[in-house]
C-alpha atoms as a PDB file:
ATOM      1  CA  UNK A   1      -6.953 -19.402   2.278  1.00  0.00           C
ATOM      2  CA  UNK A   2      -3.871 -17.222   2.420  1.00  0.00           C
ATOM      3  CA  UNK A   3      -3.707 -13.421   2.436  1.00  0.00           C
ATOM      4  CA  UNK A   4      -3.228 -11.659  -0.720  1.00  0.00           C
ATOM      5  CA  UNK A   5      -0.667  -8.968  -1.324  1.00  0.00           C
ATOM      6  CA  UNK A   6      -2.813  -6.044  -0.358  1.00  0.00           C
ATOM      7  CA  UNK A   7      -4.176  -7.731   2.801  1.00  0.00           C
ATOM      8  CA  UNK A   8      -0.590  -8.553   3.817  1.00  0.00           C
ATOM      9  CA  UNK A   9       0.503  -4.913   3.407  1.00  0.00           C
ATOM     10  CA  UNK A  10      -2.538  -3.802   5.143  1.00  0.00           C
ATOM     11  CA  UNK A  11      -1.897  -6.055   8.105  1.00  0.00           C
ATOM     12  CA  UNK A  12       1.837  -5.001   8.107  1.00  0.00           C
ATOM     13  CA  UNK A  13       0.885  -1.486   8.316  1.00  0.00           C
ATOM     14  CA  UNK A  14      -1.688  -2.050  10.996  1.00  0.00           C
ATOM     15  CA  UNK A  15       0.819  -3.707  13.327  1.00  0.00           C
ATOM     16  CA  UNK A  16       3.273  -0.807  12.745  1.00  0.00           C
ATOM     17  CA  UNK A  17       0.640   1.685  13.299  1.00  0.00           C
ATOM     18  CA  UNK A  18      -0.389  -0.116  16.716  1.00  0.00           C
ATOM     19  CA  UNK A  19       3.324  -0.169  17.816  1.00  0.00           C
ATOM     20  CA  UNK A  20       3.278   3.665  16.942  1.00  0.00           C
ATOM     21  CA  UNK A  21       0.305   4.752  18.668  1.00  0.00           C
ATOM     22  CA  UNK A  22       0.473   2.272  21.677  1.00  0.00           C
ATOM     23  CA  UNK A  23       4.283   2.325  22.199  1.00  0.00           C
ATOM     24  CA  UNK A  24       3.970  -1.427  23.120  1.00  0.00           C
ATOM     25  CA  UNK A  25       3.919  -4.737  21.385  1.00  0.00           C
ATOM     26  CA  UNK A  26       4.299  -8.525  21.802  1.00  0.00           C
ATOM     27  CA  UNK A  27       6.545 -11.178  20.581  1.00  0.00           C
ATOM     28  CA  UNK A  28       3.629 -12.593  18.602  1.00  0.00           C
ATOM     29  CA  UNK A  29       3.402  -9.334  16.690  1.00  0.00           C
ATOM     30  CA  UNK A  30       7.104  -9.175  15.928  1.00  0.00           C
ATOM     31  CA  UNK A  31       6.907 -12.680  14.622  1.00  0.00           C
ATOM     32  CA  UNK A  32       3.756 -11.854  12.519  1.00  0.00           C
ATOM     33  CA  UNK A  33       5.761  -8.986  10.979  1.00  0.00           C
ATOM     34  CA  UNK A  34       8.536 -11.364  10.065  1.00  0.00           C
ATOM     35  CA  UNK A  35       6.086 -13.966   8.491  1.00  0.00           C
ATOM     36  CA  UNK A  36       4.420 -11.135   6.445  1.00  0.00           C
ATOM     37  CA  UNK A  37       7.700  -9.817   5.252  1.00  0.00           C
ATOM     38  CA  UNK A  38       9.059 -13.281   4.403  1.00  0.00           C
ATOM     39  CA  UNK A  39       5.856 -13.742   2.207  1.00  0.00           C
ATOM     40  CA  UNK A  40       6.005 -10.332   0.616  1.00  0.00           C
ATOM     41  CA  UNK A  41       9.728 -10.521  -0.215  1.00  0.00           C
ATOM     42  CA  UNK A  42       8.983 -13.466  -2.662  1.00  0.00           C
ATOM     43  CA  UNK A  43       6.881 -11.322  -4.983  1.00  0.00           C
ATOM     44  CA  UNK A  44       9.438 -10.594  -7.840  1.00  0.00           C
ATOM     45  CA  UNK A  45       7.374  -7.575  -8.894  1.00  0.00           C
ATOM     46  CA  UNK A  46       8.104  -5.800  -5.540  1.00  0.00           C
ATOM     47  CA  UNK A  47       9.921  -2.500  -5.906  1.00  0.00           C
ATOM     48  CA  UNK A  48      13.456  -2.136  -4.899  1.00  0.00           C
ATOM     49  CA  UNK A  49      12.697   0.587  -2.443  1.00  0.00           C
ATOM     50  CA  UNK A  50       9.831  -1.391  -0.777  1.00  0.00           C
ATOM     51  CA  UNK A  51      12.120  -4.442  -0.537  1.00  0.00           C
ATOM     52  CA  UNK A  52      14.700  -2.119   1.352  1.00  0.00           C
ATOM     53  CA  UNK A  53      11.983  -0.828   3.756  1.00  0.00           C
ATOM     54  CA  UNK A  54      10.740  -4.471   4.260  1.00  0.00           C
ATOM     55  CA  UNK A  55      14.430  -5.417   5.118  1.00  0.00           C
ATOM     56  CA  UNK A  56      14.640  -2.560   7.735  1.00  0.00           C
ATOM     57  CA  UNK A  57      11.227  -3.558   9.218  1.00  0.00           C
ATOM     58  CA  UNK A  58      12.376  -7.129   9.424  1.00  0.00           C
ATOM     59  CA  UNK A  59      15.492  -6.209  11.305  1.00  0.00           C
ATOM     60  CA  UNK A  60      13.349  -4.140  13.735  1.00  0.00           C
ATOM     61  CA  UNK A  61      11.222  -7.135  14.425  1.00  0.00           C
ATOM     62  CA  UNK A  62      14.246  -9.397  14.958  1.00  0.00           C
ATOM     63  CA  UNK A  63      15.837  -7.067  17.489  1.00  0.00           C
ATOM     64  CA  UNK A  64      12.527  -6.226  19.022  1.00  0.00           C
ATOM     65  CA  UNK A  65      11.977 -10.110  19.893  1.00  0.00           C
ATOM     66  CA  UNK A  66      15.276 -10.093  21.722  1.00  0.00           C
ATOM     67  CA  UNK A  67      15.078  -6.674  23.234  1.00  0.00           C
ATOM     68  CA  UNK A  68      15.318  -6.419  27.062  1.00  0.00           C
ATOM     69  CA  UNK A  69      12.228  -4.091  26.822  1.00  0.00           C
ATOM     70  CA  UNK A  70       9.948  -4.472  23.799  1.00  0.00           C
ATOM     71  CA  UNK A  71       8.196  -1.135  24.905  1.00  0.00           C
ATOM     72  CA  UNK A  72      11.403   0.711  25.147  1.00  0.00           C
ATOM     73  CA  UNK A  73      12.510  -0.988  21.756  1.00  0.00           C
ATOM     74  CA  UNK A  74       9.311   0.461  20.056  1.00  0.00           C
ATOM     75  CA  UNK A  75       9.759   3.766  21.842  1.00  0.00           C
ATOM     76  CA  UNK A  76      13.253   4.197  20.237  1.00  0.00           C
ATOM     77  CA  UNK A  77      11.943   3.335  16.751  1.00  0.00           C
ATOM     78  CA  UNK A  78       9.133   5.888  16.694  1.00  0.00           C
ATOM     79  CA  UNK A  79      10.634   8.056  13.894  1.00  0.00           C
ATOM     80  CA  UNK A  80      11.116   4.831  11.766  1.00  0.00           C
ATOM     81  CA  UNK A  81       7.682   3.586  12.516  1.00  0.00           C
ATOM     82  CA  UNK A  82       6.372   6.727  11.042  1.00  0.00           C
ATOM     83  CA  UNK A  83       8.529   6.746   8.132  1.00  0.00           C
ATOM     84  CA  UNK A  84       7.754   3.045   7.313  1.00  0.00           C
ATOM     85  CA  UNK A  85       3.999   3.764   7.612  1.00  0.00           C
ATOM     86  CA  UNK A  86       4.177   6.649   5.230  1.00  0.00           C
ATOM     87  CA  UNK A  87       6.351   4.807   2.737  1.00  0.00           C
ATOM     88  CA  UNK A  88       3.914   1.804   2.725  1.00  0.00           C
ATOM     89  CA  UNK A  89       0.906   4.177   2.147  1.00  0.00           C
ATOM     90  CA  UNK A  90       2.777   5.472  -1.015  1.00  0.00           C
ATOM     91  CA  UNK A  91       3.032   1.947  -2.280  1.00  0.00           C
ATOM     92  CA  UNK A  92      -0.338   0.778  -1.375  1.00  0.00           C
END
C-alpha cells in the first residue's frame, strides 16, 4: 500500500527537518526526497507555488547526491531548508 498525499508531505518535511537539525544526511535520504517529489508532482491539484518549492527541493536533492560533502551541502542550504519547511507547513 502506497503513501497518501499527506503521508508523503509529512515524510518530505521530516527528512528536511532532520537535515536542518542534524546538518547531515545520506544518499538514501536524497533519493527518497526525489521519489516523494516525483510522486507528489503528478497531483494535478497541486498548487503552483508548491510545485515550485518541490522543484527547488528536487534540485537540492540532486545536487546533494553528487556533492563532495553531503554535510557541507546541507549546511549551505540551512536557510532554504527552513524556508521549505515553513512553506510545506502552510500547505499541509
